[in-house]
C-alpha atoms as a PDB file:
ATOM      1  CA  PHE A   1     -37.712  23.041   4.463  1.00  0.00           C
ATOM      2  CA  PRO A   2     -35.579  23.605   1.358  1.00  0.00           C
ATOM      3  CA  ASP A   3     -32.572  21.677   2.751  1.00  0.00           C
ATOM      4  CA  GLU A   4     -34.508  18.508   3.532  1.00  0.00           C
ATOM      5  CA  VAL A   5     -36.560  15.961   1.618  1.00  0.00           C
ATOM      6  CA  TYR A   6     -39.085  13.688   3.321  1.00  0.00           C
ATOM      7  CA  VAL A   7     -39.714  10.364   1.595  1.00  0.00           C
ATOM      8  CA  PHE A   8     -41.684   7.279   2.576  1.00  0.00           C
ATOM      9  CA  SER A   9     -40.765   3.633   2.684  1.00  0.00           C
ATOM     10  CA  PRO A  10     -43.320   1.163   1.238  1.00  0.00           C
ATOM     11  CA  VAL A  11     -44.566   0.458   4.783  1.00  0.00           C
ATOM     12  CA  GLY A  12     -45.143   4.172   5.469  1.00  0.00           C
ATOM     13  CA  LYS A  13     -42.057   5.013   7.532  1.00  0.00           C
ATOM     14  CA  ILE A  14     -40.836   8.592   6.950  1.00  0.00           C
ATOM     15  CA  PHE A  15     -37.179   9.207   6.151  1.00  0.00           C
ATOM     16  CA  ASP A  16     -35.576  12.639   6.420  1.00  0.00           C
ATOM     17  CA  MET A  17     -33.024  12.950   3.602  1.00  0.00           C
ATOM     18  CA  PRO A  18     -30.803  15.869   2.529  1.00  0.00           C
ATOM     19  CA  HIS A  19     -31.683  17.843  -0.599  1.00  0.00           C
ATOM     20  CA  GLY A  20     -30.352  16.037  -3.708  1.00  0.00           C
ATOM     21  CA  ALA A  21     -30.553  12.573  -2.123  1.00  0.00           C
ATOM     22  CA  THR A  22     -30.931   9.561  -4.413  1.00  0.00           C
ATOM     23  CA  PRO A  23     -32.481   6.100  -3.977  1.00  0.00           C
ATOM     24  CA  VAL A  24     -28.995   4.774  -3.137  1.00  0.00           C
ATOM     25  CA  ASP A  25     -28.792   7.280  -0.262  1.00  0.00           C
ATOM     26  CA  PHE A  26     -32.243   6.104   0.839  1.00  0.00           C
ATOM     27  CA  ALA A  27     -31.183   2.432   0.669  1.00  0.00           C
ATOM     28  CA  TYR A  28     -28.193   3.102   2.928  1.00  0.00           C
ATOM     29  CA  ALA A  29     -30.413   5.142   5.293  1.00  0.00           C
ATOM     30  CA  VAL A  30     -32.679   2.103   5.687  1.00  0.00           C
ATOM     31  CA  HIS A  31     -29.801  -0.343   6.279  1.00  0.00           C
ATOM     32  CA  THR A  32     -26.242  -0.772   5.034  1.00  0.00           C
ATOM     33  CA  ASP A  33     -26.988  -4.302   3.798  1.00  0.00           C
ATOM     34  CA  ILE A  34     -29.895  -3.000   1.712  1.00  0.00           C
ATOM     35  CA  GLY A  35     -27.639  -0.332   0.221  1.00  0.00           C
ATOM     36  CA  ASN A  36     -24.924  -2.871  -0.530  1.00  0.00           C
ATOM     37  CA  SER A  37     -27.333  -5.227  -2.318  1.00  0.00           C
ATOM     38  CA  CYS A  38     -29.623  -2.783  -4.139  1.00  0.00           C
ATOM     39  CA  VAL A  39     -29.971  -3.247  -7.886  1.00  0.00           C
ATOM     40  CA  ALA A  40     -32.992  -1.091  -8.776  1.00  0.00           C
ATOM     41  CA  CYS A  41     -35.701   1.075  -7.261  1.00  0.00           C
ATOM     42  CA  ARG A  42     -39.295   2.098  -7.636  1.00  0.00           C
ATOM     43  CA  ILE A  43     -40.348   5.655  -6.946  1.00  0.00           C
ATOM     44  CA  ASP A  44     -44.114   5.956  -6.525  1.00  0.00           C
ATOM     45  CA  ARG A  45     -44.460   2.382  -7.892  1.00  0.00           C
ATOM     46  CA  ARG A  46     -42.574   3.178 -11.115  1.00  0.00           C
ATOM     47  CA  LEU A  47     -39.104   1.911 -11.931  1.00  0.00           C
ATOM     48  CA  ALA A  48     -36.567   4.715 -11.718  1.00  0.00           C
ATOM     49  CA  PRO A  49     -32.791   5.000 -12.064  1.00  0.00           C
ATOM     50  CA  LEU A  50     -30.739   4.716  -8.890  1.00  0.00           C
ATOM     51  CA  SER A  51     -29.320   8.162  -9.644  1.00  0.00           C
ATOM     52  CA  ALA A  52     -32.727   9.910  -9.644  1.00  0.00           C
ATOM     53  CA  THR A  53     -33.088  12.854  -7.257  1.00  0.00           C
ATOM     54  CA  LEU A  54     -35.726  12.277  -4.593  1.00  0.00           C
ATOM     55  CA  GLU A  55     -38.473  14.795  -3.855  1.00  0.00           C
ATOM     56  CA  SER A  56     -40.617  15.228  -0.768  1.00  0.00           C
ATOM     57  CA  GLY A  57     -43.678  13.009  -0.562  1.00  0.00           C
ATOM     58  CA  GLN A  58     -42.385  10.231  -2.797  1.00  0.00           C
ATOM     59  CA  THR A  59     -42.576   6.571  -1.814  1.00  0.00           C
ATOM     60  CA  VAL A  60     -39.301   4.786  -2.460  1.00  0.00           C
ATOM     61  CA  GLU A  61     -38.958   1.011  -2.717  1.00  0.00           C
ATOM     62  CA  ILE A  62     -35.514  -0.545  -3.049  1.00  0.00           C
ATOM     63  CA  ILE A  63     -35.132  -3.763  -5.045  1.00  0.00           C
ATOM     64  CA  THR A  64     -32.273  -5.966  -3.839  1.00  0.00           C
ATOM     65  CA  ALA A  65     -30.612  -9.091  -5.145  1.00  0.00           C
ATOM     66  CA  PRO A  66     -28.500 -11.616  -3.271  1.00  0.00           C
ATOM     67  CA  GLY A  67     -24.852 -11.338  -4.195  1.00  0.00           C
ATOM     68  CA  ALA A  68     -25.226  -7.816  -5.601  1.00  0.00           C
ATOM     69  CA  GLN A  69     -22.442  -5.364  -4.789  1.00  0.00           C
ATOM     70  CA  PRO A  70     -22.173  -1.585  -4.827  1.00  0.00           C
ATOM     71  CA  ASN A  71     -21.111   0.006  -8.080  1.00  0.00           C
ATOM     72  CA  PRO A  72     -18.136   2.413  -7.864  1.00  0.00           C
ATOM     73  CA  ALA A  73     -20.091   4.801 -10.137  1.00  0.00           C
ATOM     74  CA  TRP A  74     -22.548   5.363  -7.278  1.00  0.00           C
ATOM     75  CA  LEU A  75     -19.914   7.502  -5.571  1.00  0.00           C
ATOM     76  CA  SER A  76     -20.465  10.142  -8.247  1.00  0.00           C
ATOM     77  CA  PHE A  77     -24.103  10.788  -7.307  1.00  0.00           C
ATOM     78  CA  VAL A  78     -24.674   9.885  -3.649  1.00  0.00           C
ATOM     79  CA  VAL A  79     -24.852  12.826  -1.241  1.00  0.00           C
ATOM     80  CA  THR A  80     -24.946  11.300   2.245  1.00  0.00           C
ATOM     81  CA  GLY A  81     -21.862  10.361   4.183  1.00  0.00           C
ATOM     82  CA  LYS A  82     -23.426   7.062   5.250  1.00  0.00           C
ATOM     83  CA  ALA A  83     -23.941   5.990   1.629  1.00  0.00           C
ATOM     84  CA  ARG A  84     -20.492   7.143   0.550  1.00  0.00           C
ATOM     85  CA  GLY A  85     -18.851   5.376   3.500  1.00  0.00           C
ATOM     86  CA  GLY A  86     -20.875   2.193   2.960  1.00  0.00           C
ATOM     87  CA  ILE A  87     -19.957   2.046  -0.722  1.00  0.00           C
ATOM     88  CA  ARG A  88     -16.264   2.675  -0.051  1.00  0.00           C
ATOM     89  CA  HIS A  89     -16.171   0.129   2.760  1.00  0.00           C
ATOM     90  CA  SER A  90     -17.813  -2.533   0.603  1.00  0.00           C
ATOM     91  CA  LEU A  91     -15.526  -1.870  -2.360  1.00  0.00           C
ATOM     92  CA  LYS A  92     -12.468  -2.008  -0.111  1.00  0.00           C
ATOM     93  CA  ASN A  93     -13.512  -5.325   1.354  1.00  0.00           C
ATOM     94  CA  GLN A  94     -14.222  -7.081  -1.909  1.00  0.00           C
ATOM     95  CA  LYS A  95     -12.740 -10.520  -1.827  1.00  0.00           C
ATOM     96  CA  ARG A  96      -9.247 -10.675  -3.267  1.00  0.00           C
ATOM     97  CA  SER A  97     -10.147 -13.474  -5.647  1.00  0.00           C
ATOM     98  CA  GLU A  98     -13.062 -11.478  -7.097  1.00  0.00           C
ATOM     99  CA  SER A  99     -10.815  -8.462  -7.595  1.00  0.00           C
ATOM    100  CA  ILE A 100      -8.140 -10.561  -9.279  1.00  0.00           C
ATOM    101  CA  ALA A 101     -10.709 -12.185 -11.580  1.00  0.00           C
ATOM    102  CA  LEU A 102     -12.211  -8.813 -12.502  1.00  0.00           C
ATOM    103  CA  GLY A 103      -8.742  -7.334 -13.075  1.00  0.00           C
ATOM    104  CA  ARG A 104      -7.808 -10.279 -15.310  1.00  0.00           C
ATOM    105  CA  ARG A 105     -11.007  -9.866 -17.370  1.00  0.00           C
ATOM    106  CA  LEU A 106     -10.442  -6.112 -17.768  1.00  0.00           C
ATOM    107  CA  LEU A 107      -6.787  -6.515 -18.725  1.00  0.00           C
ATOM    108  CA  GLU A 108      -7.514  -9.447 -21.075  1.00  0.00           C
ATOM    109  CA  ARG A 109     -10.229  -7.440 -22.829  1.00  0.00           C
ATOM    110  CA  THR A 110      -7.850  -4.519 -23.325  1.00  0.00           C
ATOM    111  CA  LEU A 111      -4.997  -6.755 -24.481  1.00  0.00           C
ATOM    112  CA  LYS A 112      -7.338  -8.615 -26.851  1.00  0.00           C
ATOM    113  CA  SER A 113      -8.084  -5.326 -28.608  1.00  0.00           C
ATOM    114  CA  GLN A 114      -4.320  -5.132 -29.225  1.00  0.00           C
ATOM    115  CA  ASN A 115      -4.248  -8.728 -30.546  1.00  0.00           C
ATOM    116  CA  THR A 116      -2.396 -10.220 -27.594  1.00  0.00           C
ATOM    117  CA  SER A 117      -3.165 -11.821 -24.229  1.00  0.00           C
ATOM    118  CA  PHE A 118      -1.839 -11.733 -20.680  1.00  0.00           C
ATOM    119  CA  GLU A 119      -0.098 -15.084 -21.172  1.00  0.00           C
ATOM    120  CA  ASP A 120       1.772 -13.703 -24.226  1.00  0.00           C
ATOM    121  CA  ILE A 121       3.355 -10.846 -22.265  1.00  0.00           C
ATOM    122  CA  ASP A 122       7.112 -11.052 -21.757  1.00  0.00           C
ATOM    123  CA  GLN A 123       7.844 -11.960 -18.126  1.00  0.00           C
ATOM    124  CA  ASP A 124      10.648  -9.374 -17.838  1.00  0.00           C
ATOM    125  CA  ARG A 125       8.330  -6.603 -19.016  1.00  0.00           C
ATOM    126  CA  LEU A 126       5.637  -7.733 -16.557  1.00  0.00           C
ATOM    127  CA  GLU A 127       8.155  -7.669 -13.691  1.00  0.00           C
ATOM    128  CA  GLN A 128       9.324  -4.209 -14.770  1.00  0.00           C
ATOM    129  CA  VAL A 129       5.760  -2.829 -14.686  1.00  0.00           C
ATOM    130  CA  MET A 130       5.154  -4.437 -11.268  1.00  0.00           C
ATOM    131  CA  THR A 131       8.405  -2.937  -9.925  1.00  0.00           C
ATOM    132  CA  GLU A 132       7.439   0.536 -11.200  1.00  0.00           C
ATOM    133  CA  ARG A 133       4.143   0.267  -9.329  1.00  0.00           C
ATOM    134  CA  ASN A 134       5.586  -1.336  -6.168  1.00  0.00           C
ATOM    135  CA  LEU A 135       3.602  -4.566  -6.585  1.00  0.00           C
ATOM    136  CA  GLN A 136       4.910  -7.957  -5.459  1.00  0.00           C
ATOM    137  CA  ASP A 137       3.308 -10.307  -7.997  1.00  0.00           C
ATOM    138  CA  SER A 138       0.978 -10.514 -10.988  1.00  0.00           C
ATOM    139  CA  ASP A 139      -2.003 -11.234  -8.708  1.00  0.00           C
ATOM    140  CA  SER A 140      -1.363  -7.936  -6.921  1.00  0.00           C
ATOM    141  CA  LEU A 141      -1.326  -6.171 -10.287  1.00  0.00           C
ATOM    142  CA  LEU A 142      -4.584  -7.821 -11.361  1.00  0.00           C
ATOM    143  CA  GLU A 143      -6.157  -7.071  -7.955  1.00  0.00           C
ATOM    144  CA  SER A 144      -5.142  -3.435  -8.269  1.00  0.00           C
ATOM    145  CA  ILE A 145      -6.819  -3.256 -11.685  1.00  0.00           C
ATOM    146  CA  GLY A 146      -9.921  -5.028 -10.355  1.00  0.00           C
ATOM    147  CA  LEU A 147     -10.241  -2.591  -7.457  1.00  0.00           C
ATOM    148  CA  GLY A 148      -9.891   0.372  -9.797  1.00  0.00           C
ATOM    149  CA  ASN A 149      -6.528   1.534  -8.445  1.00  0.00           C
ATOM    150  CA  GLN A 150      -4.842   0.940 -11.817  1.00  0.00           C
ATOM    151  CA  MET A 151      -6.364   1.450 -15.254  1.00  0.00           C
ATOM    152  CA  ALA A 152      -6.330  -1.656 -17.440  1.00  0.00           C
ATOM    153  CA  TYR A 153      -5.709   0.421 -20.569  1.00  0.00           C
ATOM    154  CA  LEU A 154      -2.604   2.084 -19.124  1.00  0.00           C
ATOM    155  CA  ILE A 155      -1.200  -1.193 -17.800  1.00  0.00           C
ATOM    156  CA  ALA A 156      -1.843  -2.924 -21.141  1.00  0.00           C
ATOM    157  CA  ARG A 157      -0.180  -0.074 -23.023  1.00  0.00           C
ATOM    158  CA  LYS A 158       2.830  -0.318 -20.716  1.00  0.00           C
ATOM    159  CA  LEU A 159       3.003  -4.113 -21.077  1.00  0.00           C
ATOM    160  CA  ILE A 160       2.957  -4.112 -24.894  1.00  0.00           C
ATOM    161  CA  SER A 161       4.902  -0.900 -25.363  1.00  0.00           C
ATOM    162  CA  MET A 162       7.899  -1.330 -27.688  1.00  0.00           C
ATOM    163  CA  ASP A 163       9.828   1.495 -26.028  1.00  0.00           C
ATOM    164  CA  ALA A 164       9.994  -0.119 -22.580  1.00  0.00           C
ATOM    165  CA  ILE A 165      12.468   1.508 -20.222  1.00  0.00           C
ATOM    166  CA  GLU A 166      15.692  -0.494 -20.246  1.00  0.00           C
ATOM    167  CA  THR A 167      18.239   1.524 -18.261  1.00  0.00           C
ATOM    168  CA  PRO A 168      18.027   2.603 -14.624  1.00  0.00           C
ATOM    169  CA  ASP A 169      18.958   6.191 -15.648  1.00  0.00           C
ATOM    170  CA  ASN A 170      15.726   6.540 -17.666  1.00  0.00           C
ATOM    171  CA  GLN A 171      13.421   5.123 -14.990  1.00  0.00           C
ATOM    172  CA  ARG A 172      11.125   7.558 -13.280  1.00  0.00           C
ATOM    173  CA  PRO A 173       8.634   6.832 -10.531  1.00  0.00           C
ATOM    174  CA  LEU A 174       4.945   7.237 -11.296  1.00  0.00           C
ATOM    175  CA  ALA A 175       3.177   9.847  -9.227  1.00  0.00           C
END
């Protein structure tokens, strides 16, 4: 069957996976919670990358860790709808405080490379960037960065840009 791959769990259960499936797809096929908390895998008792392509007859063991979360990069190599949906759902439901903290770290790291910090940013410029992006407060901006909806580099560049838009005639909405 060229369209299907049959792999085994460590206890001998057979899983029917689509061609090109990865250990992350397998983890979500076993259970969504296992997929959400997987950190590594063993294929035929050898450590393997989570992006490895599975082949028929292999035994796949998923290694999980408490508190682990799906990586957005997994979306680039998973092939099953269940895995893709599970990853997206988990990323969407990340706690707001975690997203804000991650966004702050990403933005601070980018601003540090430009020899400044988030606290040093002019408040008017910060409000202007938030208005352009239809965000209510700085936490919403940091959350948006943490969730991957805004790129820290682009926000930092806009915040420290010397040619900030001053007049309403020059403002243009971002697409």
